[in-house]
PDB file of N, CA and C in Angstrom:
ATOM      1  N   GLU A   1     127.734 139.801 125.697  1.00  0.00           N
ATOM      2  CA  GLU A   1     127.536 140.161 124.030  1.00  0.00           C
ATOM      3  C   GLU A   1     127.260 139.577 123.138  1.00  0.00           C
ATOM      4  N   GLY A   2     127.867 138.582 123.253  1.00  0.00           N
ATOM      5  CA  GLY A   2     127.982 137.928 121.741  1.00  0.00           C
ATOM      6  C   GLY A   2     126.222 137.091 121.691  1.00  0.00           C
ATOM      7  N   ARG A   3     125.821 137.056 122.607  1.00  0.00           N
ATOM      8  CA  ARG A   3     124.250 136.465 122.435  1.00  0.00           C
ATOM      9  C   ARG A   3     123.343 137.504 121.810  1.00  0.00           C
ATOM     10  N   LYS A   4     123.690 138.846 122.394  1.00  0.00           N
ATOM     11  CA  LYS A   4     122.738 139.697 121.948  1.00  0.00           C
ATOM     12  C   LYS A   4     122.637 140.270 120.415  1.00  0.00           C
ATOM     13  N   VAL A   5     124.298 140.305 120.584  1.00  0.00           N
ATOM     14  CA  VAL A   5     124.331 140.301 118.600  1.00  0.00           C
ATOM     15  C   VAL A   5     123.603 138.974 118.072  1.00  0.00           C
ATOM     16  N   ILE A   6     123.498 138.468 118.239  1.00  0.00           N
ATOM     17  CA  ILE A   6     123.398 137.010 117.490  1.00  0.00           C
ATOM     18  C   ILE A   6     121.465 137.039 117.569  1.00  0.00           C
ATOM     19  N   GLY A   7     120.918 137.435 118.561  1.00  0.00           N
ATOM     20  CA  GLY A   7     119.179 137.584 118.918  1.00  0.00           C
ATOM     21  C   GLY A   7     119.056 138.993 117.619  1.00  0.00           C
ATOM     22  N   VAL A   8     119.937 139.641 117.666  1.00  0.00           N
ATOM     23  CA  VAL A   8     119.718 141.055 116.988  1.00  0.00           C
ATOM     24  C   VAL A   8     119.538 140.591 115.245  1.00  0.00           C
ATOM     25  N   LEU A   9     120.351 139.356 115.090  1.00  0.00           N
ATOM     26  CA  LEU A   9     121.063 138.904 113.682  1.00  0.00           C
ATOM     27  C   LEU A   9     119.624 138.436 113.581  1.00  0.00           C
ATOM     28  N   ASN A  10     119.538 137.489 113.937  1.00  0.00           N
ATOM     29  CA  ASN A  10     118.108 136.617 113.770  1.00  0.00           C
ATOM     30  C   ASN A  10     116.717 137.091 113.702  1.00  0.00           C
ATOM     31  N   LEU A  11     116.375 138.850 114.839  1.00  0.00           N
ATOM     32  CA  LEU A  11     115.204 139.251 114.511  1.00  0.00           C
ATOM     33  C   LEU A  11     115.540 140.067 113.002  1.00  0.00           C
ATOM     34  N   ASN A  12     116.460 140.606 112.563  1.00  0.00           N
ATOM     35  CA  ASN A  12     116.776 140.643 111.120  1.00  0.00           C
ATOM     36  C   ASN A  12     116.418 140.224 110.227  1.00  0.00           C
ATOM     37  N   PHE A  13     117.108 139.068 110.418  1.00  0.00           N
ATOM     38  CA  PHE A  13     116.806 137.666 109.288  1.00  0.00           C
ATOM     39  C   PHE A  13     115.351 137.472 109.052  1.00  0.00           C
ATOM     40  N   SER A  14     114.635 137.472 110.525  1.00  0.00           N
ATOM     41  CA  SER A  14     113.217 136.990 110.598  1.00  0.00           C
ATOM     42  C   SER A  14     112.584 138.043 109.827  1.00  0.00           C
ATOM     43  N   LEU A  15     112.793 139.545 110.032  1.00  0.00           N
ATOM     44  CA  LEU A  15     111.664 140.328 108.937  1.00  0.00           C
ATOM     45  C   LEU A  15     112.378 140.487 107.779  1.00  0.00           C
ATOM     46  N   ALA A  16     114.074 140.179 106.968  1.00  0.00           N
ATOM     47  CA  ALA A  16     113.627 139.918 105.744  1.00  0.00           C
ATOM     48  C   ALA A  16     112.903 138.967 104.963  1.00  0.00           C
ATOM     49  N   ASP A  17     112.545 137.573 106.270  1.00  0.00           N
ATOM     50  CA  ASP A  17     111.592 136.540 105.790  1.00  0.00           C
ATOM     51  C   ASP A  17     110.558 137.531 105.247  1.00  0.00           C
ATOM     52  N   MET A  18     110.228 138.077 106.663  1.00  0.00           N
ATOM     53  CA  MET A  18     108.752 138.342 106.669  1.00  0.00           C
ATOM     54  C   MET A  18     108.415 139.291 105.620  1.00  0.00           C
ATOM     55  N   THR A  19     109.041 140.388 104.936  1.00  0.00           N
ATOM     56  CA  THR A  19     109.118 141.282 104.125  1.00  0.00           C
ATOM     57  C   THR A  19     108.913 140.252 102.761  1.00  0.00           C
ATOM     58  N   ARG A  20     109.561 139.026 102.431  1.00  0.00           N
ATOM     59  CA  ARG A  20     109.821 138.720 101.019  1.00  0.00           C
ATOM     60  C   ARG A  20     108.763 137.922 100.963  1.00  0.00           C
ATOM     61  N   ARG A  21     108.354 137.383 102.271  1.00  0.00           N
ATOM     62  CA  ARG A  21     106.541 136.412 101.914  1.00  0.00           C
ATOM     63  C   ARG A  21     105.736 137.354 101.465  1.00  0.00           C
ATOM     64  N   ILE A  22     105.756 138.372 102.401  1.00  0.00           N
ATOM     65  CA  ILE A  22     104.792 139.282 101.955  1.00  0.00           C
ATOM     66  C   ILE A  22     104.904 139.983 100.696  1.00  0.00           C
ATOM     67  N   GLN A  23     106.296 140.161 100.403  1.00  0.00           N
ATOM     68  CA  GLN A  23     106.460 140.966  98.677  1.00  0.00           C
ATOM     69  C   GLN A  23     105.705 139.646  98.035  1.00  0.00           C
ATOM     70  N   ASP A  24     105.485 138.421  98.006  1.00  0.00           N
ATOM     71  CA  ASP A  24     105.478 137.300  97.436  1.00  0.00           C
ATOM     72  C   ASP A  24     104.016 137.480  97.190  1.00  0.00           C
ATOM     73  N   THR A  25     103.186 137.130  98.379  1.00  0.00           N
ATOM     74  CA  THR A  25     101.605 137.033  98.560  1.00  0.00           C
ATOM     75  C   THR A  25     100.994 138.219  97.768  1.00  0.00           C
ATOM     76  N   SER A  26     101.847 139.333  98.101  1.00  0.00           N
ATOM     77  CA  SER A  26     100.886 140.679  97.376  1.00  0.00           C
ATOM     78  C   SER A  26     101.373 140.931  95.984  1.00  0.00           C
ATOM     79  N   ARG A  27     102.127 140.100  95.465  1.00  0.00           N
ATOM     80  CA  ARG A  27     102.341 139.848  93.930  1.00  0.00           C
ATOM     81  C   ARG A  27     101.431 138.896  93.154  1.00  0.00           C
ATOM     82  N   PHE A  28     101.102 137.763  93.937  1.00  0.00           N
ATOM     83  CA  PHE A  28     100.481 136.595  94.057  1.00  0.00           C
ATOM     84  C   PHE A  28      98.856 137.636  94.048  1.00  0.00           C
ATOM     85  N   PHE A  29      98.443 138.302  95.077  1.00  0.00           N
ATOM     86  CA  PHE A  29      97.178 139.107  95.000  1.00  0.00           C
ATOM     87  C   PHE A  29      96.879 140.068  93.995  1.00  0.00           C
ATOM     88  N   PHE A  30      98.405 140.978  93.870  1.00  0.00           N
ATOM     89  CA  PHE A  30      97.901 141.435  92.632  1.00  0.00           C
ATOM     90  C   PHE A  30      97.953 141.131  91.091  1.00  0.00           C
ATOM     91  N   VAL A  31      98.604 139.698  90.983  1.00  0.00           N
ATOM     92  CA  VAL A  31      98.109 138.880  89.685  1.00  0.00           C
ATOM     93  C   VAL A  31      96.538 138.414  89.280  1.00  0.00           C
ATOM     94  N   SER A  32      96.495 137.774  91.026  1.00  0.00           N
ATOM     95  CA  SER A  32      94.848 137.292  90.794  1.00  0.00           C
ATOM     96  C   SER A  32      93.994 138.118  90.590  1.00  0.00           C
ATOM     97  N   THR A  33      94.124 139.397  91.670  1.00  0.00           N
ATOM     98  CA  THR A  33      92.952 140.388  90.816  1.00  0.00           C
ATOM     99  C   THR A  33      92.968 140.943  89.755  1.00  0.00           C
ATOM    100  N   ILE A  34      94.095 141.457  88.722  1.00  0.00           N
ATOM    101  CA  ILE A  34      93.888 141.585  87.413  1.00  0.00           C
ATOM    102  C   ILE A  34      93.177 140.536  86.733  1.00  0.00           C
ATOM    103  N   VAL A  35      93.743 139.015  86.672  1.00  0.00           N
ATOM    104  CA  VAL A  35      92.650 138.088  86.294  1.00  0.00           C
ATOM    105  C   VAL A  35      90.981 137.916  86.601  1.00  0.00           C
ATOM    106  N   ILE A  36      90.856 138.131  87.961  1.00  0.00           N
ATOM    107  CA  ILE A  36      89.471 138.685  88.232  1.00  0.00           C
ATOM    108  C   ILE A  36      89.211 139.680  87.396  1.00  0.00           C
ATOM    109  N   VAL A  37      89.484 140.928  87.752  1.00  0.00           N
ATOM    110  CA  VAL A  37      89.065 141.726  86.758  1.00  0.00           C
ATOM    111  C   VAL A  37      88.804 141.335  84.934  1.00  0.00           C
ATOM    112  N   LEU A  38      89.908 140.999  84.774  1.00  0.00           N
ATOM    113  CA  LEU A  38      89.568 140.984  83.212  1.00  0.00           C
ATOM    114  C   LEU A  38      88.544 139.594  82.556  1.00  0.00           C
ATOM    115  N   LEU A  39      88.392 138.634  83.635  1.00  0.00           N
ATOM    116  CA  LEU A  39      87.815 137.872  83.654  1.00  0.00           C
ATOM    117  C   LEU A  39      86.035 138.525  83.820  1.00  0.00           C
ATOM    118  N   LEU A  40      85.887 138.872  84.545  1.00  0.00           N
ATOM    119  CA  LEU A  40      84.756 139.792  84.946  1.00  0.00           C
ATOM    120  C   LEU A  40      84.398 140.941  83.489  1.00  0.00           C
ATOM    121  N   SER A  41      85.065 141.934  83.126  1.00  0.00           N
ATOM    122  CA  SER A  41      85.060 142.596  82.060  1.00  0.00           C
ATOM    123  C   SER A  41      84.706 142.083  80.887  1.00  0.00           C
ATOM    124  N   LEU A  42      85.687 140.546  80.589  1.00  0.00           N
ATOM    125  CA  LEU A  42      84.966 139.815  79.584  1.00  0.00           C
ATOM    126  C   LEU A  42      83.329 139.157  79.383  1.00  0.00           C
ATOM    127  N   GLY A  43      83.106 138.788  80.357  1.00  0.00           N
ATOM    128  CA  GLY A  43      82.096 138.653  80.855  1.00  0.00           C
ATOM    129  C   GLY A  43      80.443 139.290  80.920  1.00  0.00           C
ATOM    130  N   ILE A  44      81.231 140.723  81.118  1.00  0.00           N
ATOM    131  CA  ILE A  44      80.284 141.855  81.068  1.00  0.00           C
ATOM    132  C   ILE A  44      79.801 142.405  79.763  1.00  0.00           C
ATOM    133  N   SER A  45      81.098 142.352  78.944  1.00  0.00           N
ATOM    134  CA  SER A  45      80.870 142.585  77.463  1.00  0.00           C
ATOM    135  C   SER A  45      80.492 141.572  76.540  1.00  0.00           C
ATOM    136  N   PHE A  46      80.651 140.210  76.753  1.00  0.00           N
ATOM    137  CA  PHE A  46      80.027 139.067  76.381  1.00  0.00           C
ATOM    138  C   PHE A  46      78.284 139.728  76.435  1.00  0.00           C
ATOM    139  N   ILE A  47      77.979 139.606  77.391  1.00  0.00           N
ATOM    140  CA  ILE A  47      76.366 139.501  78.059  1.00  0.00           C
ATOM    141  C   ILE A  47      76.039 140.520  77.357  1.00  0.00           C
ATOM    142  N   LEU A  48      76.536 142.204  77.086  1.00  0.00           N
ATOM    143  CA  LEU A  48      76.058 143.200  76.758  1.00  0.00           C
ATOM    144  C   LEU A  48      75.950 143.193  75.011  1.00  0.00           C
ATOM    145  N   ILE A  49      77.067 142.592  74.318  1.00  0.00           N
ATOM    146  CA  ILE A  49      77.047 141.992  73.096  1.00  0.00           C
ATOM    147  C   ILE A  49      75.735 140.960  72.838  1.00  0.00           C
ATOM    148  N   ARG A  50      75.552 139.646  73.899  1.00  0.00           N
ATOM    149  CA  ARG A  50      74.592 139.350  73.441  1.00  0.00           C
ATOM    150  C   ARG A  50      73.356 139.872  73.592  1.00  0.00           C
ATOM    151  N   PHE A  51      72.931 141.099  74.806  1.00  0.00           N
ATOM    152  CA  PHE A  51      71.620 141.493  74.558  1.00  0.00           C
ATOM    153  C   PHE A  51      71.516 142.708  73.616  1.00  0.00           C
ATOM    154  N   VAL A  52      72.529 143.327  73.384  1.00  0.00           N
ATOM    155  CA  VAL A  52      72.345 144.079  71.740  1.00  0.00           C
ATOM    156  C   VAL A  52      72.036 143.583  70.555  1.00  0.00           C
ATOM    157  N   LYS A  53      72.373 142.403  70.425  1.00  0.00           N
ATOM    158  CA  LYS A  53      72.105 141.523  69.381  1.00  0.00           C
ATOM    159  C   LYS A  53      70.644 140.903  69.432  1.00  0.00           C
TER     160      LYS A  53
END
Protein backbone atom coordinates (compact mmCIF):
# COMPACT_ATOMS: atom_id res chain seq x y z
CA GLU A 1 0.00 0.00 0.00
CA GLY A 2 2.70 2.50 1.03
CA ARG A 3 4.65 1.93 -2.14
CA LYS A 4 1.55 2.61 -4.24
CA VAL A 5 0.95 5.95 -2.49
CA ILE A 6 4.59 6.96 -3.02
CA GLY A 7 4.27 6.13 -6.73
CA VAL A 8 1.15 8.28 -7.05
CA LEU A 9 2.88 11.14 -5.22
CA ASN A 10 5.89 10.85 -7.53
CA LEU A 11 3.59 10.93 -10.56
CA ASN A 12 1.79 14.02 -9.27
CA PHE A 13 5.09 15.75 -8.53
CA SER A 14 6.48 15.06 -12.01
CA LEU A 15 3.22 16.29 -13.55
CA ALA A 16 3.43 19.54 -11.58
CA ASP A 17 7.07 19.90 -12.64
CA MET A 18 6.11 19.32 -16.27
CA THR A 19 3.29 21.87 -16.17
CA ARG A 20 5.64 24.41 -14.59
CA ARG A 21 8.20 23.77 -17.31
CA ILE A 22 5.53 24.13 -20.00
CA GLN A 23 4.38 27.43 -18.46
CA ASP A 24 7.97 28.73 -18.45
CA THR A 25 8.56 27.78 -22.09
CA SER A 26 5.19 29.20 -23.20
CA ARG A 27 5.93 32.47 -21.40
CA PHE A 28 9.36 32.65 -23.10
CA PHE A 29 7.72 31.84 -26.46
CA PHE A 30 5.11 34.56 -25.86
CA VAL A 31 7.77 37.20 -25.08
CA SER A 32 9.97 36.22 -28.05
CA THR A 33 6.94 36.33 -30.36
CA ILE A 34 6.10 39.87 -29.18
CA VAL A 35 9.72 40.95 -29.72
CA ILE A 36 9.79 39.45 -33.24
CA VAL A 37 6.49 41.14 -34.16
CA LEU A 38 7.77 44.48 -32.87
CA LEU A 39 11.01 44.16 -34.84
CA LEU A 40 9.12 43.19 -38.00
CA SER A 41 6.68 46.10 -37.72
CA LEU A 42 9.55 48.52 -37.03
CA GLY A 43 11.45 47.28 -40.08
CA ILE A 44 8.38 47.44 -42.33
CA SER A 45 7.47 50.96 -41.19
CA PHE A 46 11.10 52.06 -41.67
CA ILE A 47 11.11 50.70 -45.25
CA LEU A 48 7.72 52.31 -45.99
CA ILE A 49 8.91 55.69 -44.69
CA ARG A 50 12.07 55.41 -46.81
CA PHE A 51 10.04 54.62 -49.94
CA VAL A 52 7.49 57.39 -49.30
CA LYS A 53 10.26 59.96 -49.01
